[in-house]
PDB file of N, CA and C in Angstrom:
ATOM      1  N   MET A   1      53.727  10.186 -63.332  1.00  0.00           N
ATOM      2  CA  MET A   1      52.983  10.504 -62.188  1.00  0.00           C
ATOM      3  C   MET A   1      52.670   8.901 -62.123  1.00  0.00           C
ATOM      4  N   VAL A   2      52.237   8.029 -62.675  1.00  0.00           N
ATOM      5  CA  VAL A   2      51.665   6.708 -62.882  1.00  0.00           C
ATOM      6  C   VAL A   2      52.992   5.522 -62.894  1.00  0.00           C
ATOM      7  N   HIS A   3      53.721   5.884 -63.493  1.00  0.00           N
ATOM      8  CA  HIS A   3      55.073   5.462 -63.026  1.00  0.00           C
ATOM      9  C   HIS A   3      55.775   5.218 -61.507  1.00  0.00           C
ATOM     10  N   THR A   4      55.838   6.582 -61.196  1.00  0.00           N
ATOM     11  CA  THR A   4      56.065   7.195 -59.698  1.00  0.00           C
ATOM     12  C   THR A   4      55.430   6.227 -59.032  1.00  0.00           C
ATOM     13  N   ALA A   5      54.017   6.007 -59.306  1.00  0.00           N
ATOM     14  CA  ALA A   5      53.294   5.548 -57.875  1.00  0.00           C
ATOM     15  C   ALA A   5      53.181   3.944 -58.496  1.00  0.00           C
ATOM     16  N   LEU A   6      53.600   3.540 -59.242  1.00  0.00           N
ATOM     17  CA  LEU A   6      53.615   1.870 -58.990  1.00  0.00           C
ATOM     18  C   LEU A   6      54.829   2.166 -58.907  1.00  0.00           C
ATOM     19  N   ARG A   7      55.783   1.893 -58.630  1.00  0.00           N
ATOM     20  CA  ARG A   7      57.132   1.958 -58.040  1.00  0.00           C
ATOM     21  C   ARG A   7      56.834   2.173 -56.297  1.00  0.00           C
ATOM     22  N   ARG A   8      55.967   3.141 -55.802  1.00  0.00           N
ATOM     23  CA  ARG A   8      55.853   3.539 -54.457  1.00  0.00           C
ATOM     24  C   ARG A   8      56.572   4.995 -54.134  1.00  0.00           C
ATOM     25  N   LYS A   9      56.650   5.227 -55.015  1.00  0.00           N
ATOM     26  CA  LYS A   9      58.192   6.291 -54.602  1.00  0.00           C
ATOM     27  C   LYS A   9      57.087   8.086 -54.391  1.00  0.00           C
ATOM     28  N   LEU A  10      55.949   7.736 -54.551  1.00  0.00           N
ATOM     29  CA  LEU A  10      55.057   8.925 -53.835  1.00  0.00           C
ATOM     30  C   LEU A  10      55.415  10.095 -52.735  1.00  0.00           C
ATOM     31  N   VAL A  11      55.341  11.096 -52.862  1.00  0.00           N
ATOM     32  CA  VAL A  11      55.837  11.350 -51.680  1.00  0.00           C
ATOM     33  C   VAL A  11      55.054  11.123 -50.432  1.00  0.00           C
ATOM     34  N   ILE A  12      54.094  10.883 -50.342  1.00  0.00           N
ATOM     35  CA  ILE A  12      53.018   9.551 -49.371  1.00  0.00           C
ATOM     36  C   ILE A  12      53.074   8.831 -50.301  1.00  0.00           C
ATOM     37  N   PRO A  13      53.561   7.555 -49.734  1.00  0.00           N
ATOM     38  CA  PRO A  13      53.378   6.402 -50.227  1.00  0.00           C
ATOM     39  C   PRO A  13      52.083   5.294 -49.869  1.00  0.00           C
ATOM     40  N   GLU A  14      51.868   5.406 -48.715  1.00  0.00           N
ATOM     41  CA  GLU A  14      50.417   5.322 -48.501  1.00  0.00           C
ATOM     42  C   GLU A  14      49.580   6.221 -48.657  1.00  0.00           C
ATOM     43  N   PHE A  15      48.836   7.019 -49.338  1.00  0.00           N
ATOM     44  CA  PHE A  15      48.349   7.995 -49.503  1.00  0.00           C
ATOM     45  C   PHE A  15      46.972   7.893 -49.088  1.00  0.00           C
ATOM     46  N   GLU A  16      46.167   6.181 -49.550  1.00  0.00           N
ATOM     47  CA  GLU A  16      44.730   5.938 -48.890  1.00  0.00           C
ATOM     48  C   GLU A  16      45.037   6.113 -47.665  1.00  0.00           C
ATOM     49  N   ASN A  17      45.669   5.605 -46.496  1.00  0.00           N
ATOM     50  CA  ASN A  17      46.208   5.598 -45.224  1.00  0.00           C
ATOM     51  C   ASN A  17      45.749   6.772 -44.807  1.00  0.00           C
ATOM     52  N   PHE A  18      47.137   7.747 -45.169  1.00  0.00           N
ATOM     53  CA  PHE A  18      46.988   9.187 -44.814  1.00  0.00           C
ATOM     54  C   PHE A  18      45.828   9.653 -44.789  1.00  0.00           C
ATOM     55  N   SER A  19      44.829   9.557 -46.415  1.00  0.00           N
ATOM     56  CA  SER A  19      43.523  10.217 -46.543  1.00  0.00           C
ATOM     57  C   SER A  19      42.680   9.886 -45.307  1.00  0.00           C
ATOM     58  N   GLU A  20      42.834   8.866 -44.937  1.00  0.00           N
ATOM     59  CA  GLU A  20      41.553   8.133 -43.787  1.00  0.00           C
ATOM     60  C   GLU A  20      41.707   9.125 -42.837  1.00  0.00           C
ATOM     61  N   ILE A  21      43.446   9.255 -42.096  1.00  0.00           N
ATOM     62  CA  ILE A  21      43.801   9.762 -41.093  1.00  0.00           C
ATOM     63  C   ILE A  21      43.337  11.331 -41.168  1.00  0.00           C
ATOM     64  N   ILE A  22      43.775  11.881 -41.921  1.00  0.00           N
ATOM     65  CA  ILE A  22      43.026  13.217 -42.753  1.00  0.00           C
ATOM     66  C   ILE A  22      41.316  13.477 -42.538  1.00  0.00           C
ATOM     67  N   THR A  23      41.068  12.663 -43.255  1.00  0.00           N
ATOM     68  CA  THR A  23      39.209  12.445 -43.089  1.00  0.00           C
ATOM     69  C   THR A  23      38.569  12.661 -41.603  1.00  0.00           C
ATOM     70  N   GLY A  24      39.524  11.761 -40.698  1.00  0.00           N
ATOM     71  CA  GLY A  24      39.171  11.998 -39.358  1.00  0.00           C
ATOM     72  C   GLY A  24      39.127  12.741 -38.887  1.00  0.00           C
ATOM     73  N   ILE A  25      40.476  13.476 -38.940  1.00  0.00           N
ATOM     74  CA  ILE A  25      40.503  14.916 -37.902  1.00  0.00           C
ATOM     75  C   ILE A  25      40.007  16.205 -38.742  1.00  0.00           C
ATOM     76  N   PHE A  26      39.520  15.866 -40.058  1.00  0.00           N
ATOM     77  CA  PHE A  26      38.628  16.777 -40.788  1.00  0.00           C
ATOM     78  C   PHE A  26      37.382  16.658 -39.976  1.00  0.00           C
ATOM     79  N   GLU A  27      36.516  15.317 -39.570  1.00  0.00           N
ATOM     80  CA  GLU A  27      35.523  15.052 -39.598  1.00  0.00           C
ATOM     81  C   GLU A  27      35.365  15.720 -37.590  1.00  0.00           C
ATOM     82  N   LYS A  28      36.205  15.083 -37.295  1.00  0.00           N
ATOM     83  CA  LYS A  28      36.161  15.468 -36.074  1.00  0.00           C
ATOM     84  C   LYS A  28      36.164  17.345 -35.328  1.00  0.00           C
ATOM     85  N   THR A  29      37.303  17.785 -35.937  1.00  0.00           N
ATOM     86  CA  THR A  29      37.248  19.297 -36.136  1.00  0.00           C
ATOM     87  C   THR A  29      36.216  20.015 -36.694  1.00  0.00           C
ATOM     88  N   ARG A  30      35.155  18.838 -37.271  1.00  0.00           N
ATOM     89  CA  ARG A  30      34.182  19.838 -37.887  1.00  0.00           C
ATOM     90  C   ARG A  30      33.165  20.216 -36.818  1.00  0.00           C
ATOM     91  N   GLU A  31      33.367  19.501 -35.831  1.00  0.00           N
ATOM     92  CA  GLU A  31      32.234  19.102 -34.559  1.00  0.00           C
ATOM     93  C   GLU A  31      32.673  20.583 -34.168  1.00  0.00           C
ATOM     94  N   ASN A  32      33.509  21.504 -33.760  1.00  0.00           N
ATOM     95  CA  ASN A  32      34.265  22.510 -33.239  1.00  0.00           C
ATOM     96  C   ASN A  32      32.975  23.622 -33.637  1.00  0.00           C
ATOM     97  N   THR A  33      32.244  24.024 -33.606  1.00  0.00           N
ATOM     98  CA  THR A  33      31.215  25.669 -33.993  1.00  0.00           C
ATOM     99  C   THR A  33      31.751  26.809 -32.587  1.00  0.00           C
ATOM    100  N   ASP A  34      32.327  26.794 -31.673  1.00  0.00           N
ATOM    101  CA  ASP A  34      32.593  27.633 -30.960  1.00  0.00           C
ATOM    102  C   ASP A  34      33.564  28.555 -31.818  1.00  0.00           C
ATOM    103  N   GLY A  35      32.927  30.232 -30.565  1.00  0.00           N
ATOM    104  CA  GLY A  35      34.028  31.118 -32.192  1.00  0.00           C
ATOM    105  C   GLY A  35      32.734  31.970 -32.678  1.00  0.00           C
ATOM    106  N   GLN A  36      32.896  32.878 -32.938  1.00  0.00           N
ATOM    107  CA  GLN A  36      32.189  34.038 -33.877  1.00  0.00           C
ATOM    108  C   GLN A  36      32.986  34.252 -35.380  1.00  0.00           C
ATOM    109  N   VAL A  37      32.047  34.511 -36.848  1.00  0.00           N
ATOM    110  CA  VAL A  37      33.007  34.994 -37.523  1.00  0.00           C
ATOM    111  C   VAL A  37      33.347  36.415 -37.065  1.00  0.00           C
ATOM    112  N   ALA A  38      34.592  36.439 -37.915  1.00  0.00           N
ATOM    113  CA  ALA A  38      35.270  37.856 -37.183  1.00  0.00           C
ATOM    114  C   ALA A  38      34.619  38.914 -38.433  1.00  0.00           C
ATOM    115  N   THR A  39      34.286  40.220 -37.652  1.00  0.00           N
ATOM    116  CA  THR A  39      32.965  41.320 -37.836  1.00  0.00           C
ATOM    117  C   THR A  39      33.636  42.308 -38.514  1.00  0.00           C
ATOM    118  N   TYR A  40      35.187  42.466 -37.814  1.00  0.00           N
ATOM    119  CA  TYR A  40      35.947  43.355 -38.006  1.00  0.00           C
ATOM    120  C   TYR A  40      36.606  43.361 -39.575  1.00  0.00           C
ATOM    121  N   ILE A  41      36.276  42.147 -40.335  1.00  0.00           N
ATOM    122  CA  ILE A  41      36.950  42.259 -41.605  1.00  0.00           C
ATOM    123  C   ILE A  41      35.637  41.873 -42.562  1.00  0.00           C
ATOM    124  N   PRO A  42      35.436  43.432 -42.979  1.00  0.00           N
ATOM    125  CA  PRO A  42      34.264  43.073 -44.092  1.00  0.00           C
ATOM    126  C   PRO A  42      33.840  41.650 -44.682  1.00  0.00           C
ATOM    127  N   GLN A  43      35.180  41.259 -45.313  1.00  0.00           N
ATOM    128  CA  GLN A  43      34.529  40.028 -46.225  1.00  0.00           C
ATOM    129  C   GLN A  43      34.676  38.943 -45.474  1.00  0.00           C
ATOM    130  N   LEU A  44      35.059  38.566 -44.299  1.00  0.00           N
ATOM    131  CA  LEU A  44      34.913  37.691 -43.510  1.00  0.00           C
ATOM    132  C   LEU A  44      33.428  37.699 -42.888  1.00  0.00           C
ATOM    133  N   ALA A  45      33.291  39.064 -42.500  1.00  0.00           N
ATOM    134  CA  ALA A  45      31.669  38.858 -41.696  1.00  0.00           C
ATOM    135  C   ALA A  45      30.550  38.341 -42.325  1.00  0.00           C
ATOM    136  N   HIS A  46      30.854  38.492 -43.647  1.00  0.00           N
ATOM    137  CA  HIS A  46      29.805  37.980 -45.056  1.00  0.00           C
ATOM    138  C   HIS A  46      29.602  36.312 -45.210  1.00  0.00           C
ATOM    139  N   MET A  47      30.854  35.409 -44.215  1.00  0.00           N
ATOM    140  CA  MET A  47      31.086  33.912 -44.716  1.00  0.00           C
ATOM    141  C   MET A  47      29.574  33.763 -43.866  1.00  0.00           C
ATOM    142  N   ASN A  48      29.546  32.334 -44.634  1.00  0.00           N
ATOM    143  CA  ASN A  48      28.725  31.291 -43.645  1.00  0.00           C
ATOM    144  C   ASN A  48      29.622  30.335 -42.715  1.00  0.00           C
ATOM    145  N   PRO A  49      29.386  30.456 -40.884  1.00  0.00           N
ATOM    146  CA  PRO A  49      29.955  29.728 -40.350  1.00  0.00           C
ATOM    147  C   PRO A  49      30.392  28.396 -40.283  1.00  0.00           C
ATOM    148  N   GLU A  50      28.909  27.943 -41.336  1.00  0.00           N
ATOM    149  CA  GLU A  50      28.661  26.638 -41.554  1.00  0.00           C
ATOM    150  C   GLU A  50      29.851  26.012 -42.905  1.00  0.00           C
ATOM    151  N   TYR A  51      30.069  26.417 -43.236  1.00  0.00           N
ATOM    152  CA  TYR A  51      31.473  26.357 -43.955  1.00  0.00           C
ATOM    153  C   TYR A  51      32.607  25.639 -43.619  1.00  0.00           C
ATOM    154  N   TRP A  52      32.881  24.286 -44.181  1.00  0.00           N
ATOM    155  CA  TRP A  52      33.905  23.824 -43.938  1.00  0.00           C
ATOM    156  C   TRP A  52      34.463  22.890 -44.924  1.00  0.00           C
ATOM    157  N   GLY A  53      35.713  23.272 -45.078  1.00  0.00           N
ATOM    158  CA  GLY A  53      36.305  22.634 -46.712  1.00  0.00           C
ATOM    159  C   GLY A  53      38.442  22.552 -46.513  1.00  0.00           C
ATOM    160  N   MET A  54      38.639  21.401 -47.067  1.00  0.00           N
ATOM    161  CA  MET A  54      40.402  21.562 -47.007  1.00  0.00           C
ATOM    162  C   MET A  54      40.769  21.085 -48.279  1.00  0.00           C
ATOM    163  N   SER A  55      41.631  21.004 -49.012  1.00  0.00           N
ATOM    164  CA  SER A  55      42.069  20.571 -49.946  1.00  0.00           C
ATOM    165  C   SER A  55      43.350  20.347 -49.515  1.00  0.00           C
ATOM    166  N   ILE A  56      44.266  19.293 -49.546  1.00  0.00           N
ATOM    167  CA  ILE A  56      45.820  19.211 -49.968  1.00  0.00           C
ATOM    168  C   ILE A  56      46.312  18.371 -51.136  1.00  0.00           C
ATOM    169  N   CYS A  57      47.280  18.860 -51.464  1.00  0.00           N
ATOM    170  CA  CYS A  57      48.106  18.213 -52.515  1.00  0.00           C
ATOM    171  C   CYS A  57      49.307  18.470 -52.103  1.00  0.00           C
ATOM    172  N   THR A  58      49.912  17.206 -52.952  1.00  0.00           N
ATOM    173  CA  THR A  58      51.303  17.165 -52.727  1.00  0.00           C
ATOM    174  C   THR A  58      52.146  17.526 -53.620  1.00  0.00           C
ATOM    175  N   VAL A  59      53.502  17.899 -53.874  1.00  0.00           N
ATOM    176  CA  VAL A  59      54.424  18.250 -54.646  1.00  0.00           C
ATOM    177  C   VAL A  59      54.423  17.492 -55.657  1.00  0.00           C
ATOM    178  N   ASP A  60      53.848  16.047 -55.702  1.00  0.00           N
ATOM    179  CA  ASP A  60      54.023  15.192 -56.818  1.00  0.00           C
ATOM    180  C   ASP A  60      52.470  14.985 -57.226  1.00  0.00           C
ATOM    181  N   GLY A  61      51.480  15.489 -56.706  1.00  0.00           N
ATOM    182  CA  GLY A  61      50.440  15.526 -57.571  1.00  0.00           C
ATOM    183  C   GLY A  61      48.818  14.794 -56.428  1.00  0.00           C
ATOM    184  N   GLN A  62      49.719  14.209 -55.501  1.00  0.00           N
ATOM    185  CA  GLN A  62      48.439  13.523 -55.216  1.00  0.00           C
ATOM    186  C   GLN A  62      47.490  14.541 -54.203  1.00  0.00           C
ATOM    187  N   ARG A  63      45.902  14.437 -54.128  1.00  0.00           N
ATOM    188  CA  ARG A  63      45.201  15.374 -54.124  1.00  0.00           C
ATOM    189  C   ARG A  63      43.685  14.501 -52.920  1.00  0.00           C
ATOM    190  N   LEU A  64      44.114  15.400 -51.965  1.00  0.00           N
ATOM    191  CA  LEU A  64      42.535  15.250 -51.538  1.00  0.00           C
ATOM    192  C   LEU A  64      41.956  16.530 -51.080  1.00  0.00           C
ATOM    193  N   SER A  65      40.554  16.359 -50.984  1.00  0.00           N
ATOM    194  CA  SER A  65      39.630  17.476 -51.031  1.00  0.00           C
ATOM    195  C   SER A  65      38.456  16.863 -50.267  1.00  0.00           C
ATOM    196  N   LEU A  66      38.126  17.844 -48.927  1.00  0.00           N
ATOM    197  CA  LEU A  66      37.006  17.472 -48.206  1.00  0.00           C
ATOM    198  C   LEU A  66      35.953  18.833 -47.911  1.00  0.00           C
ATOM    199  N   GLY A  67      35.090  18.718 -47.742  1.00  0.00           N
ATOM    200  CA  GLY A  67      33.804  19.444 -47.285  1.00  0.00           C
ATOM    201  C   GLY A  67      33.489  20.411 -48.366  1.00  0.00           C
ATOM    202  N   ASP A  68      33.453  21.808 -48.140  1.00  0.00           N
ATOM    203  CA  ASP A  68      33.279  23.015 -48.666  1.00  0.00           C
ATOM    204  C   ASP A  68      34.308  23.354 -49.646  1.00  0.00           C
ATOM    205  N   PHE A  69      35.251  22.390 -50.257  1.00  0.00           N
ATOM    206  CA  PHE A  69      36.339  23.105 -50.570  1.00  0.00           C
ATOM    207  C   PHE A  69      36.608  23.658 -51.724  1.00  0.00           C
ATOM    208  N   ASN A  70      34.991  23.648 -52.509  1.00  0.00           N
ATOM    209  CA  ASN A  70      34.930  24.502 -53.767  1.00  0.00           C
ATOM    210  C   ASN A  70      34.487  25.716 -53.585  1.00  0.00           C
ATOM    211  N   VAL A  71      34.243  26.523 -52.119  1.00  0.00           N
ATOM    212  CA  VAL A  71      33.893  27.622 -52.150  1.00  0.00           C
ATOM    213  C   VAL A  71      35.039  28.508 -51.614  1.00  0.00           C
ATOM    214  N   PRO A  72      34.828  29.382 -52.689  1.00  0.00           N
ATOM    215  CA  PRO A  72      35.210  30.944 -52.620  1.00  0.00           C
ATOM    216  C   PRO A  72      35.605  31.230 -51.139  1.00  0.00           C
ATOM    217  N   PHE A  73      36.771  31.723 -50.614  1.00  0.00           N
ATOM    218  CA  PHE A  73      36.634  32.409 -49.380  1.00  0.00           C
ATOM    219  C   PHE A  73      38.012  33.501 -49.155  1.00  0.00           C
ATOM    220  N   CYS A  74      38.284  33.704 -48.233  1.00  0.00           N
ATOM    221  CA  CYS A  74      38.984  35.200 -47.868  1.00  0.00           C
ATOM    222  C   CYS A  74      40.421  34.514 -46.814  1.00  0.00           C
ATOM    223  N   LEU A  75      41.305  34.842 -47.597  1.00  0.00           N
ATOM    224  CA  LEU A  75      42.519  33.862 -46.693  1.00  0.00           C
ATOM    225  C   LEU A  75      42.636  35.184 -45.262  1.00  0.00           C
ATOM    226  N   GLN A  76      42.786  36.386 -45.650  1.00  0.00           N
ATOM    227  CA  GLN A  76      43.340  37.072 -44.474  1.00  0.00           C
ATOM    228  C   GLN A  76      44.403  37.061 -44.088  1.00  0.00           C
ATOM    229  N   SER A  77      43.935  36.467 -42.526  1.00  0.00           N
ATOM    230  CA  SER A  77      45.212  36.217 -41.804  1.00  0.00           C
ATOM    231  C   SER A  77      45.972  35.112 -41.762  1.00  0.00           C
ATOM    232  N   ALA A  78      45.168  34.241 -42.558  1.00  0.00           N
ATOM    233  CA  ALA A  78      45.879  32.460 -42.587  1.00  0.00           C
ATOM    234  C   ALA A  78      46.843  32.307 -43.598  1.00  0.00           C
ATOM    235  N   SER A  79      47.027  33.924 -44.506  1.00  0.00           N
ATOM    236  CA  SER A  79      48.240  33.273 -45.341  1.00  0.00           C
ATOM    237  C   SER A  79      49.926  34.091 -44.545  1.00  0.00           C
ATOM    238  N   ASN A  80      49.435  34.249 -43.494  1.00  0.00           N
ATOM    239  CA  ASN A  80      50.695  34.438 -42.409  1.00  0.00           C
ATOM    240  C   ASN A  80      51.452  33.398 -42.414  1.00  0.00           C
ATOM    241  N   CYS A  81      51.085  32.249 -42.265  1.00  0.00           N
ATOM    242  CA  CYS A  81      51.634  31.153 -42.199  1.00  0.00           C
ATOM    243  C   CYS A  81      52.556  30.706 -43.195  1.00  0.00           C
ATOM    244  N   ILE A  82      51.995  30.947 -44.587  1.00  0.00           N
ATOM    245  CA  ILE A  82      52.522  30.845 -45.792  1.00  0.00           C
ATOM    246  C   ILE A  82      53.604  31.925 -46.042  1.00  0.00           C
ATOM    247  N   ASN A  83      53.261  33.376 -45.647  1.00  0.00           N
ATOM    248  CA  ASN A  83      53.894  34.814 -46.208  1.00  0.00           C
ATOM    249  C   ASN A  83      55.353  34.906 -44.926  1.00  0.00           C
ATOM    250  N   TYR A  84      55.284  34.577 -44.140  1.00  0.00           N
ATOM    251  CA  TYR A  84      56.063  34.274 -42.790  1.00  0.00           C
ATOM    252  C   TYR A  84      57.521  33.774 -43.616  1.00  0.00           C
ATOM    253  N   PRO A  85      57.126  32.408 -43.756  1.00  0.00           N
ATOM    254  CA  PRO A  85      58.720  31.415 -43.866  1.00  0.00           C
ATOM    255  C   PRO A  85      59.140  32.281 -44.946  1.00  0.00           C
ATOM    256  N   LEU A  86      58.423  32.787 -46.446  1.00  0.00           N
ATOM    257  CA  LEU A  86      58.794  33.395 -47.394  1.00  0.00           C
ATOM    258  C   LEU A  86      59.550  34.271 -46.999  1.00  0.00           C
ATOM    259  N   VAL A  87      59.036  35.582 -46.718  1.00  0.00           N
ATOM    260  CA  VAL A  87      59.864  36.717 -46.447  1.00  0.00           C
ATOM    261  C   VAL A  87      61.255  36.093 -45.376  1.00  0.00           C
ATOM    262  N   LEU A  88      60.878  35.461 -44.162  1.00  0.00           N
ATOM    263  CA  LEU A  88      62.536  35.301 -43.317  1.00  0.00           C
ATOM    264  C   LEU A  88      63.354  34.642 -44.343  1.00  0.00           C
ATOM    265  N   ASP A  89      62.673  33.663 -45.436  1.00  0.00           N
ATOM    266  CA  ASP A  89      64.159  33.129 -46.471  1.00  0.00           C
ATOM    267  C   ASP A  89      64.891  34.304 -47.419  1.00  0.00           C
ATOM    268  N   GLU A  90      63.661  35.281 -47.880  1.00  0.00           N
ATOM    269  CA  GLU A  90      64.281  36.176 -48.408  1.00  0.00           C
ATOM    270  C   GLU A  90      65.239  37.124 -48.112  1.00  0.00           C
ATOM    271  N   LEU A  91      64.553  37.927 -46.790  1.00  0.00           N
ATOM    272  CA  LEU A  91      65.759  38.828 -45.901  1.00  0.00           C
ATOM    273  C   LEU A  91      66.262  38.313 -45.122  1.00  0.00           C
ATOM    274  N   GLY A  92      66.244  36.824 -44.608  1.00  0.00           N
ATOM    275  CA  GLY A  92      66.632  36.776 -43.554  1.00  0.00           C
ATOM    276  C   GLY A  92      66.279  36.792 -42.064  1.00  0.00           C
ATOM    277  N   SER A  93      66.442  36.445 -40.888  1.00  0.00           N
ATOM    278  CA  SER A  93      66.169  36.285 -39.643  1.00  0.00           C
ATOM    279  C   SER A  93      66.366  37.482 -39.203  1.00  0.00           C
ATOM    280  N   GLU A  94      67.823  37.999 -39.237  1.00  0.00           N
ATOM    281  CA  GLU A  94      67.713  39.734 -39.086  1.00  0.00           C
ATOM    282  C   GLU A  94      67.500  40.790 -39.178  1.00  0.00           C
ATOM    283  N   GLN A  95      66.483  41.044 -40.339  1.00  0.00           N
ATOM    284  CA  GLN A  95      65.839  41.886 -40.716  1.00  0.00           C
ATOM    285  C   GLN A  95      64.908  41.513 -40.132  1.00  0.00           C
TER     286      GLN A  95
END
């Protein structure tokens, strides 16, 4: 990775600038405290609504973690945005 970084061939060559932009978005969205914890899902009902975290890892290992990124959490429906394209790729759009 060091050789790739020195040649500026990383997926996000300007990762420091990218990180600053993402950090700004992260901090701005942290201000939104509207809504409620989903109580119809027991695992989510017990979560602290003050937790706010995220992590990004590029395919070549560039990493950015912000906020409460190390707090375990339950994905529930958030996994749909990952599962749907995998299933679509596997089964095709006709099924």
